[in-house]
PDB file of N, CA and C in Angstrom:
ATOM      1  N   UNK A   1      32.487 -11.793 -18.035  1.00  0.00           N
ATOM      2  CA  UNK A   1      32.038 -12.872 -18.435  1.00  0.00           C
ATOM      3  C   UNK A   1      31.793 -13.909 -17.090  1.00  0.00           C
ATOM      4  N   UNK A   2      32.430 -14.101 -15.976  1.00  0.00           N
ATOM      5  CA  UNK A   2      32.997 -14.311 -15.006  1.00  0.00           C
ATOM      6  C   UNK A   2      31.674 -13.903 -14.046  1.00  0.00           C
ATOM      7  N   UNK A   3      31.460 -12.700 -13.987  1.00  0.00           N
ATOM      8  CA  UNK A   3      29.881 -12.551 -12.926  1.00  0.00           C
ATOM      9  C   UNK A   3      28.576 -13.002 -13.931  1.00  0.00           C
ATOM     10  N   UNK A   4      27.880 -12.989 -15.319  1.00  0.00           N
ATOM     11  CA  UNK A   4      26.999 -13.610 -15.979  1.00  0.00           C
ATOM     12  C   UNK A   4      27.051 -14.721 -15.711  1.00  0.00           C
ATOM     13  N   UNK A   5      28.214 -15.576 -15.964  1.00  0.00           N
ATOM     14  CA  UNK A   5      28.054 -17.283 -15.535  1.00  0.00           C
ATOM     15  C   UNK A   5      28.107 -17.598 -13.769  1.00  0.00           C
ATOM     16  N   UNK A   6      28.453 -16.926 -13.027  1.00  0.00           N
ATOM     17  CA  UNK A   6      27.628 -16.699 -11.965  1.00  0.00           C
ATOM     18  C   UNK A   6      25.797 -16.703 -11.877  1.00  0.00           C
ATOM     19  N   UNK A   7      25.672 -15.295 -12.042  1.00  0.00           N
ATOM     20  CA  UNK A   7      24.289 -15.195 -11.667  1.00  0.00           C
ATOM     21  C   UNK A   7      23.633 -16.478 -13.106  1.00  0.00           C
ATOM     22  N   UNK A   8      23.354 -16.832 -14.204  1.00  0.00           N
ATOM     23  CA  UNK A   8      23.257 -18.087 -14.898  1.00  0.00           C
ATOM     24  C   UNK A   8      23.253 -18.990 -14.150  1.00  0.00           C
ATOM     25  N   UNK A   9      24.881 -19.040 -13.165  1.00  0.00           N
ATOM     26  CA  UNK A   9      23.679 -20.806 -12.693  1.00  0.00           C
ATOM     27  C   UNK A   9      23.696 -20.415 -11.586  1.00  0.00           C
ATOM     28  N   UNK A  10      23.252 -19.102 -10.672  1.00  0.00           N
ATOM     29  CA  UNK A  10      22.552 -19.409  -9.580  1.00  0.00           C
ATOM     30  C   UNK A  10      21.571 -19.561  -9.728  1.00  0.00           C
ATOM     31  N   UNK A  11      20.985 -18.949 -11.205  1.00  0.00           N
ATOM     32  CA  UNK A  11      19.627 -18.801 -11.397  1.00  0.00           C
ATOM     33  C   UNK A  11      19.102 -20.446 -11.914  1.00  0.00           C
ATOM     34  N   UNK A  12      20.122 -20.905 -12.675  1.00  0.00           N
ATOM     35  CA  UNK A  12      19.521 -22.521 -12.837  1.00  0.00           C
ATOM     36  C   UNK A  12      19.624 -23.481 -11.432  1.00  0.00           C
ATOM     37  N   UNK A  13      20.860 -23.106 -11.064  1.00  0.00           N
ATOM     38  CA  UNK A  13      20.327 -24.409  -9.598  1.00  0.00           C
ATOM     39  C   UNK A  13      19.165 -23.624  -8.733  1.00  0.00           C
ATOM     40  N   UNK A  14      18.481 -22.440  -8.857  1.00  0.00           N
ATOM     41  CA  UNK A  14      16.878 -21.752  -8.052  1.00  0.00           C
ATOM     42  C   UNK A  14      15.882 -22.239  -8.517  1.00  0.00           C
ATOM     43  N   UNK A  15      16.165 -22.715  -9.635  1.00  0.00           N
ATOM     44  CA  UNK A  15      14.973 -22.991 -10.827  1.00  0.00           C
ATOM     45  C   UNK A  15      14.399 -24.701  -9.997  1.00  0.00           C
ATOM     46  N   UNK A  16      15.681 -25.221 -10.114  1.00  0.00           N
ATOM     47  CA  UNK A  16      16.017 -26.720  -9.868  1.00  0.00           C
ATOM     48  C   UNK A  16      15.713 -27.011  -8.701  1.00  0.00           C
ATOM     49  N   UNK A  17      15.776 -25.644  -7.754  1.00  0.00           N
ATOM     50  CA  UNK A  17      15.648 -26.570  -6.346  1.00  0.00           C
ATOM     51  C   UNK A  17      13.575 -25.881  -6.279  1.00  0.00           C
ATOM     52  N   UNK A  18      13.307 -25.028  -7.220  1.00  0.00           N
ATOM     53  CA  UNK A  18      12.125 -24.541  -6.065  1.00  0.00           C
ATOM     54  C   UNK A  18      10.912 -24.470  -8.216  1.00  0.00           C
ATOM     55  N   UNK A  19      11.138 -26.039  -8.309  1.00  0.00           N
ATOM     56  CA  UNK A  19      11.177 -26.300 -10.163  1.00  0.00           C
ATOM     57  C   UNK A  19       9.559 -26.479 -10.152  1.00  0.00           C
ATOM     58  N   UNK A  20       9.729 -27.142  -8.296  1.00  0.00           N
ATOM     59  CA  UNK A  20       7.666 -27.495  -8.553  1.00  0.00           C
ATOM     60  C   UNK A  20       7.173 -25.893  -7.907  1.00  0.00           C
ATOM     61  N   UNK A  21       7.512 -25.750  -7.276  1.00  0.00           N
ATOM     62  CA  UNK A  21       7.095 -23.936  -6.633  1.00  0.00           C
ATOM     63  C   UNK A  21       6.549 -23.699  -8.062  1.00  0.00           C
ATOM     64  N   UNK A  22       7.521 -23.532  -8.974  1.00  0.00           N
ATOM     65  CA  UNK A  22       8.034 -22.425 -10.588  1.00  0.00           C
ATOM     66  C   UNK A  22       6.757 -23.049 -11.366  1.00  0.00           C
ATOM     67  N   UNK A  23       6.796 -24.357 -11.559  1.00  0.00           N
ATOM     68  CA  UNK A  23       6.093 -24.943 -11.707  1.00  0.00           C
ATOM     69  C   UNK A  23       3.820 -24.095 -11.576  1.00  0.00           C
ATOM     70  N   UNK A  24       3.555 -24.804 -10.054  1.00  0.00           N
ATOM     71  CA  UNK A  24       2.720 -24.510 -10.243  1.00  0.00           C
ATOM     72  C   UNK A  24       2.361 -23.338 -10.191  1.00  0.00           C
ATOM     73  N   UNK A  25       3.121 -22.202 -10.386  1.00  0.00           N
ATOM     74  CA  UNK A  25       2.933 -20.875  -9.895  1.00  0.00           C
ATOM     75  C   UNK A  25       3.001 -20.760 -12.138  1.00  0.00           C
ATOM     76  N   UNK A  26       3.236 -21.693 -12.806  1.00  0.00           N
ATOM     77  CA  UNK A  26       2.957 -20.921 -14.582  1.00  0.00           C
ATOM     78  C   UNK A  26       1.911 -21.864 -14.727  1.00  0.00           C
ATOM     79  N   UNK A  27       1.766 -22.514 -13.579  1.00  0.00           N
ATOM     80  CA  UNK A  27      -0.383 -23.322 -14.209  1.00  0.00           C
ATOM     81  C   UNK A  27      -1.641 -22.631 -13.171  1.00  0.00           C
ATOM     82  N   UNK A  28      -1.288 -21.570 -13.154  1.00  0.00           N
ATOM     83  CA  UNK A  28      -1.901 -20.824 -11.553  1.00  0.00           C
ATOM     84  C   UNK A  28      -1.793 -20.300 -12.253  1.00  0.00           C
ATOM     85  N   UNK A  29      -0.849 -18.751 -13.741  1.00  0.00           N
ATOM     86  CA  UNK A  29      -0.984 -17.786 -14.288  1.00  0.00           C
ATOM     87  C   UNK A  29      -1.860 -18.318 -15.083  1.00  0.00           C
ATOM     88  N   UNK A  30      -1.132 -19.686 -16.049  1.00  0.00           N
ATOM     89  CA  UNK A  30      -1.850 -19.867 -17.085  1.00  0.00           C
ATOM     90  C   UNK A  30      -3.779 -20.054 -17.014  1.00  0.00           C
ATOM     91  N   UNK A  31      -3.849 -20.433 -15.520  1.00  0.00           N
ATOM     92  CA  UNK A  31      -5.693 -20.617 -15.233  1.00  0.00           C
ATOM     93  C   UNK A  31      -6.321 -19.181 -15.723  1.00  0.00           C
ATOM     94  N   UNK A  32      -4.984 -18.216 -15.210  1.00  0.00           N
ATOM     95  CA  UNK A  32      -5.612 -17.063 -14.568  1.00  0.00           C
ATOM     96  C   UNK A  32      -6.176 -16.259 -16.312  1.00  0.00           C
ATOM     97  N   UNK A  33      -5.067 -17.281 -17.374  1.00  0.00           N
ATOM     98  CA  UNK A  33      -5.406 -15.925 -18.304  1.00  0.00           C
ATOM     99  C   UNK A  33      -6.845 -16.787 -19.162  1.00  0.00           C
ATOM    100  N   UNK A  34      -6.782 -17.726 -18.327  1.00  0.00           N
ATOM    101  CA  UNK A  34      -8.256 -18.552 -19.262  1.00  0.00           C
ATOM    102  C   UNK A  34      -9.057 -17.861 -18.474  1.00  0.00           C
ATOM    103  N   UNK A  35      -8.906 -17.968 -17.572  1.00  0.00           N
ATOM    104  CA  UNK A  35     -10.316 -17.864 -16.606  1.00  0.00           C
ATOM    105  C   UNK A  35     -10.358 -16.157 -17.057  1.00  0.00           C
ATOM    106  N   UNK A  36     -10.095 -15.276 -16.968  1.00  0.00           N
ATOM    107  CA  UNK A  36      -9.737 -13.302 -17.866  1.00  0.00           C
ATOM    108  C   UNK A  36     -10.205 -13.968 -19.265  1.00  0.00           C
ATOM    109  N   UNK A  37     -10.273 -14.624 -19.903  1.00  0.00           N
ATOM    110  CA  UNK A  37     -10.717 -14.447 -21.864  1.00  0.00           C
ATOM    111  C   UNK A  37     -12.336 -15.349 -21.719  1.00  0.00           C
ATOM    112  N   UNK A  38     -12.962 -16.196 -19.951  1.00  0.00           N
ATOM    113  CA  UNK A  38     -13.583 -16.673 -20.530  1.00  0.00           C
ATOM    114  C   UNK A  38     -15.073 -15.176 -20.184  1.00  0.00           C
ATOM    115  N   UNK A  39     -14.380 -13.857 -18.828  1.00  0.00           N
ATOM    116  CA  UNK A  39     -15.365 -13.068 -19.467  1.00  0.00           C
ATOM    117  C   UNK A  39     -15.989 -12.326 -19.514  1.00  0.00           C
ATOM    118  N   UNK A  40     -15.240 -11.841 -21.323  1.00  0.00           N
ATOM    119  CA  UNK A  40     -15.849 -11.222 -22.038  1.00  0.00           C
ATOM    120  C   UNK A  40     -17.347 -11.677 -23.262  1.00  0.00           C
ATOM    121  N   UNK A  41     -16.957 -13.092 -22.583  1.00  0.00           N
ATOM    122  CA  UNK A  41     -18.547 -13.955 -23.197  1.00  0.00           C
ATOM    123  C   UNK A  41     -19.659 -14.016 -22.023  1.00  0.00           C
ATOM    124  N   UNK A  42     -18.600 -14.520 -20.191  1.00  0.00           N
ATOM    125  CA  UNK A  42     -20.650 -14.593 -20.017  1.00  0.00           C
ATOM    126  C   UNK A  42     -20.745 -13.172 -19.692  1.00  0.00           C
ATOM    127  N   UNK A  43     -19.750 -11.619 -20.051  1.00  0.00           N
ATOM    128  CA  UNK A  43     -20.782 -10.345 -20.539  1.00  0.00           C
ATOM    129  C   UNK A  43     -21.641 -10.182 -21.259  1.00  0.00           C
ATOM    130  N   UNK A  44     -21.634 -10.845 -22.337  1.00  0.00           N
ATOM    131  CA  UNK A  44     -22.247 -11.351 -23.626  1.00  0.00           C
ATOM    132  C   UNK A  44     -23.488 -11.530 -23.107  1.00  0.00           C
ATOM    133  N   UNK A  45     -23.656 -13.187 -22.321  1.00  0.00           N
ATOM    134  CA  UNK A  45     -24.514 -13.194 -21.564  1.00  0.00           C
ATOM    135  C   UNK A  45     -25.091 -13.154 -20.608  1.00  0.00           C
ATOM    136  N   UNK A  46     -24.577 -12.030 -20.184  1.00  0.00           N
ATOM    137  CA  UNK A  46     -25.003 -10.882 -19.198  1.00  0.00           C
ATOM    138  C   UNK A  46     -26.360 -10.074 -19.668  1.00  0.00           C
ATOM    139  N   UNK A  47     -25.699  -9.522 -20.339  1.00  0.00           N
ATOM    140  CA  UNK A  47     -26.532  -8.815 -21.780  1.00  0.00           C
ATOM    141  C   UNK A  47     -27.421  -9.058 -22.130  1.00  0.00           C
ATOM    142  N   UNK A  48     -27.827 -10.665 -22.800  1.00  0.00           N
ATOM    143  CA  UNK A  48     -28.510 -10.929 -23.177  1.00  0.00           C
ATOM    144  C   UNK A  48     -29.638 -11.220 -22.096  1.00  0.00           C
ATOM    145  N   UNK A  49     -28.813 -11.103 -21.646  1.00  0.00           N
ATOM    146  CA  UNK A  49     -29.831 -12.205 -19.792  1.00  0.00           C
ATOM    147  C   UNK A  49     -31.140 -10.873 -19.777  1.00  0.00           C
ATOM    148  N   UNK A  50     -30.349  -9.663 -19.234  1.00  0.00           N
ATOM    149  CA  UNK A  50     -31.481  -8.505 -19.524  1.00  0.00           C
ATOM    150  C   UNK A  50     -32.266  -8.302 -19.659  1.00  0.00           C
ATOM    151  N   UNK A  51     -31.986  -8.555 -21.911  1.00  0.00           N
ATOM    152  CA  UNK A  51     -33.086  -9.023 -22.852  1.00  0.00           C
ATOM    153  C   UNK A  51     -33.660  -9.344 -22.412  1.00  0.00           C
ATOM    154  N   UNK A  52     -33.658 -10.511 -22.332  1.00  0.00           N
ATOM    155  CA  UNK A  52     -34.311 -11.627 -22.320  1.00  0.00           C
ATOM    156  C   UNK A  52     -35.158 -12.630 -20.940  1.00  0.00           C
ATOM    157  N   UNK A  53     -35.082 -13.491 -21.083  1.00  0.00           N
ATOM    158  CA  UNK A  53     -35.706 -13.831 -19.407  1.00  0.00           C
ATOM    159  C   UNK A  53     -34.425 -13.325 -18.469  1.00  0.00           C
ATOM    160  N   UNK A  54     -34.367 -13.564 -16.995  1.00  0.00           N
ATOM    161  CA  UNK A  54     -33.702 -13.673 -15.813  1.00  0.00           C
ATOM    162  C   UNK A  54     -33.305 -15.181 -15.913  1.00  0.00           C
ATOM    163  N   UNK A  55     -31.700 -15.320 -15.660  1.00  0.00           N
ATOM    164  CA  UNK A  55     -31.179 -17.125 -15.687  1.00  0.00           C
ATOM    165  C   UNK A  55     -29.935 -16.864 -14.738  1.00  0.00           C
ATOM    166  N   UNK A  56     -29.866 -17.704 -13.357  1.00  0.00           N
ATOM    167  CA  UNK A  56     -29.609 -17.183 -12.816  1.00  0.00           C
ATOM    168  C   UNK A  56     -27.852 -18.637 -12.567  1.00  0.00           C
ATOM    169  N   UNK A  57     -28.309 -19.332 -13.864  1.00  0.00           N
ATOM    170  CA  UNK A  57     -27.106 -19.761 -14.137  1.00  0.00           C
ATOM    171  C   UNK A  57     -25.853 -19.127 -14.443  1.00  0.00           C
ATOM    172  N   UNK A  58     -25.970 -18.405 -14.747  1.00  0.00           N
ATOM    173  CA  UNK A  58     -25.683 -17.104 -15.924  1.00  0.00           C
ATOM    174  C   UNK A  58     -24.871 -15.897 -14.447  1.00  0.00           C
ATOM    175  N   UNK A  59     -24.952 -15.828 -13.719  1.00  0.00           N
ATOM    176  CA  UNK A  59     -24.334 -15.168 -12.328  1.00  0.00           C
ATOM    177  C   UNK A  59     -23.879 -16.330 -11.994  1.00  0.00           C
ATOM    178  N   UNK A  60     -24.366 -17.506 -12.165  1.00  0.00           N
ATOM    179  CA  UNK A  60     -23.057 -19.304 -10.883  1.00  0.00           C
ATOM    180  C   UNK A  60     -22.077 -18.634 -11.852  1.00  0.00           C
ATOM    181  N   UNK A  61     -21.797 -18.912 -13.476  1.00  0.00           N
ATOM    182  CA  UNK A  61     -20.173 -19.460 -13.974  1.00  0.00           C
ATOM    183  C   UNK A  61     -20.169 -17.939 -13.843  1.00  0.00           C
ATOM    184  N   UNK A  62     -20.485 -16.148 -13.834  1.00  0.00           N
ATOM    185  CA  UNK A  62     -19.732 -15.565 -12.750  1.00  0.00           C
ATOM    186  C   UNK A  62     -18.575 -14.717 -12.217  1.00  0.00           C
ATOM    187  N   UNK A  63     -20.115 -15.742 -10.654  1.00  0.00           N
ATOM    188  CA  UNK A  63     -19.362 -16.155 -10.242  1.00  0.00           C
ATOM    189  C   UNK A  63     -18.203 -17.264  -9.668  1.00  0.00           C
ATOM    190  N   UNK A  64     -18.252 -18.281  -9.856  1.00  0.00           N
ATOM    191  CA  UNK A  64     -17.715 -19.169  -9.978  1.00  0.00           C
ATOM    192  C   UNK A  64     -15.964 -18.765 -11.126  1.00  0.00           C
ATOM    193  N   UNK A  65     -16.241 -18.056 -12.455  1.00  0.00           N
ATOM    194  CA  UNK A  65     -15.203 -17.330 -13.457  1.00  0.00           C
ATOM    195  C   UNK A  65     -14.520 -16.873 -12.172  1.00  0.00           C
ATOM    196  N   UNK A  66     -14.832 -15.398 -11.281  1.00  0.00           N
ATOM    197  CA  UNK A  66     -14.567 -14.327 -10.525  1.00  0.00           C
ATOM    198  C   UNK A  66     -13.199 -15.131  -9.134  1.00  0.00           C
ATOM    199  N   UNK A  67     -14.304 -16.086  -8.629  1.00  0.00           N
ATOM    200  CA  UNK A  67     -13.510 -16.514  -7.475  1.00  0.00           C
ATOM    201  C   UNK A  67     -12.570 -17.506  -8.653  1.00  0.00           C
ATOM    202  N   UNK A  68     -12.496 -18.429  -8.142  1.00  0.00           N
ATOM    203  CA  UNK A  68     -10.842 -18.432  -9.950  1.00  0.00           C
ATOM    204  C   UNK A  68      -9.643 -17.911  -9.984  1.00  0.00           C
ATOM    205  N   UNK A  69     -10.595 -17.128 -10.626  1.00  0.00           N
ATOM    206  CA  UNK A  69      -9.511 -15.464 -10.845  1.00  0.00           C
ATOM    207  C   UNK A  69      -9.112 -15.167  -9.965  1.00  0.00           C
ATOM    208  N   UNK A  70      -9.395 -15.484  -8.630  1.00  0.00           N
ATOM    209  CA  UNK A  70      -9.325 -14.856  -7.769  1.00  0.00           C
ATOM    210  C   UNK A  70      -7.142 -15.405  -6.680  1.00  0.00           C
ATOM    211  N   UNK A  71      -8.489 -17.075  -6.971  1.00  0.00           N
ATOM    212  CA  UNK A  71      -7.844 -17.892  -5.979  1.00  0.00           C
ATOM    213  C   UNK A  71      -6.607 -18.544  -6.649  1.00  0.00           C
ATOM    214  N   UNK A  72      -6.744 -18.261  -8.422  1.00  0.00           N
ATOM    215  CA  UNK A  72      -5.809 -18.083  -9.275  1.00  0.00           C
ATOM    216  C   UNK A  72      -4.811 -17.483  -9.351  1.00  0.00           C
ATOM    217  N   UNK A  73      -5.215 -15.953  -9.397  1.00  0.00           N
ATOM    218  CA  UNK A  73      -4.514 -15.459  -9.282  1.00  0.00           C
ATOM    219  C   UNK A  73      -3.514 -15.063  -8.124  1.00  0.00           C
ATOM    220  N   UNK A  74      -3.884 -15.295  -6.737  1.00  0.00           N
ATOM    221  CA  UNK A  74      -3.155 -15.351  -5.791  1.00  0.00           C
ATOM    222  C   UNK A  74      -2.288 -16.524  -5.076  1.00  0.00           C
ATOM    223  N   UNK A  75      -2.953 -17.809  -5.565  1.00  0.00           N
ATOM    224  CA  UNK A  75      -1.917 -18.418  -6.061  1.00  0.00           C
ATOM    225  C   UNK A  75      -0.340 -18.555  -6.966  1.00  0.00           C
ATOM    226  N   UNK A  76      -0.756 -17.740  -7.845  1.00  0.00           N
ATOM    227  CA  UNK A  76       1.046 -17.635  -8.816  1.00  0.00           C
ATOM    228  C   UNK A  76       0.770 -17.071  -8.171  1.00  0.00           C
ATOM    229  N   UNK A  77       0.973 -15.222  -7.410  1.00  0.00           N
ATOM    230  CA  UNK A  77       1.739 -14.610  -6.642  1.00  0.00           C
ATOM    231  C   UNK A  77       2.154 -15.310  -5.930  1.00  0.00           C
ATOM    232  N   UNK A  78       2.148 -16.204  -4.885  1.00  0.00           N
ATOM    233  CA  UNK A  78       2.393 -16.870  -3.962  1.00  0.00           C
ATOM    234  C   UNK A  78       4.046 -17.751  -3.966  1.00  0.00           C
ATOM    235  N   UNK A  79       3.006 -19.054  -5.204  1.00  0.00           N
ATOM    236  CA  UNK A  79       3.676 -19.269  -5.831  1.00  0.00           C
ATOM    237  C   UNK A  79       5.227 -19.195  -6.100  1.00  0.00           C
ATOM    238  N   UNK A  80       5.560 -18.064  -7.023  1.00  0.00           N
ATOM    239  CA  UNK A  80       6.723 -16.885  -7.259  1.00  0.00           C
ATOM    240  C   UNK A  80       7.229 -16.625  -7.385  1.00  0.00           C
ATOM    241  N   UNK A  81       6.702 -16.463  -5.982  1.00  0.00           N
ATOM    242  CA  UNK A  81       7.659 -14.292  -4.962  1.00  0.00           C
ATOM    243  C   UNK A  81       8.394 -15.849  -3.591  1.00  0.00           C
ATOM    244  N   UNK A  82       7.333 -17.349  -3.616  1.00  0.00           N
ATOM    245  CA  UNK A  82       7.694 -17.881  -1.755  1.00  0.00           C
ATOM    246  C   UNK A  82       9.564 -17.828  -2.122  1.00  0.00           C
ATOM    247  N   UNK A  83       9.733 -19.154  -3.322  1.00  0.00           N
ATOM    248  CA  UNK A  83      11.423 -18.846  -3.834  1.00  0.00           C
ATOM    249  C   UNK A  83      11.607 -17.528  -2.994  1.00  0.00           C
ATOM    250  N   UNK A  84      11.601 -16.907  -3.170  1.00  0.00           N
ATOM    251  CA  UNK A  84      12.614 -15.939  -3.096  1.00  0.00           C
ATOM    252  C   UNK A  84      12.584 -15.052  -1.335  1.00  0.00           C
ATOM    253  N   UNK A  85      11.576 -15.262  -0.962  1.00  0.00           N
ATOM    254  CA  UNK A  85      11.442 -14.465   0.596  1.00  0.00           C
ATOM    255  C   UNK A  85      12.717 -16.181   1.097  1.00  0.00           C
ATOM    256  N   UNK A  86      12.484 -17.125   0.410  1.00  0.00           N
ATOM    257  CA  UNK A  86      13.133 -18.650   1.207  1.00  0.00           C
ATOM    258  C   UNK A  86      14.521 -17.924   1.393  1.00  0.00           C
ATOM    259  N   UNK A  87      15.014 -17.268  -0.118  1.00  0.00           N
ATOM    260  CA  UNK A  87      16.447 -16.921  -0.387  1.00  0.00           C
ATOM    261  C   UNK A  87      16.911 -16.383   0.600  1.00  0.00           C
ATOM    262  N   UNK A  88      16.225 -15.048   0.834  1.00  0.00           N
ATOM    263  CA  UNK A  88      16.357 -13.374   1.221  1.00  0.00           C
ATOM    264  C   UNK A  88      15.890 -14.805   3.507  1.00  0.00           C
ATOM    265  N   UNK A  89      15.480 -15.269   3.627  1.00  0.00           N
ATOM    266  CA  UNK A  89      16.007 -15.884   4.442  1.00  0.00           C
ATOM    267  C   UNK A  89      17.424 -16.568   4.928  1.00  0.00           C
ATOM    268  N   UNK A  90      17.461 -16.951   4.368  1.00  0.00           N
ATOM    269  CA  UNK A  90      19.326 -18.321   4.093  1.00  0.00           C
ATOM    270  C   UNK A  90      20.107 -16.218   4.289  1.00  0.00           C
ATOM    271  N   UNK A  91      19.952 -16.151   3.502  1.00  0.00           N
ATOM    272  CA  UNK A  91      20.712 -15.047   3.196  1.00  0.00           C
ATOM    273  C   UNK A  91      20.900 -14.212   4.752  1.00  0.00           C
ATOM    274  N   UNK A  92      19.439 -14.043   5.439  1.00  0.00           N
ATOM    275  CA  UNK A  92      19.525 -13.260   6.776  1.00  0.00           C
ATOM    276  C   UNK A  92      20.582 -13.806   7.391  1.00  0.00           C
ATOM    277  N   UNK A  93      19.959 -15.515   7.801  1.00  0.00           N
ATOM    278  CA  UNK A  93      21.134 -16.002   8.573  1.00  0.00           C
ATOM    279  C   UNK A  93      22.546 -16.245   8.182  1.00  0.00           C
ATOM    280  N   UNK A  94      22.348 -16.464   7.036  1.00  0.00           N
ATOM    281  CA  UNK A  94      24.314 -16.186   6.489  1.00  0.00           C
ATOM    282  C   UNK A  94      24.917 -15.361   7.932  1.00  0.00           C
TER     283      UNK A  94
END
């Protein structure tokens, strides 16, 4: 029971200490999921584009979504794991 309380207090202290990192990591993760949900619609538009006239706007949209996924996915991972790296550094110095 004491071990569980120590873990809970440690987790809560880390959440409070790095709340901005975790907040922006969560926002980045949500944006990544939103962009992933747009991909099927863009694929449909690209398939229709092949049968109709060539439209570069869809290609630019696809490139923008791909770039957004790259940026927000990388940001979410960096922001989620940054506090653990800081904690690891603190433990090595002790």
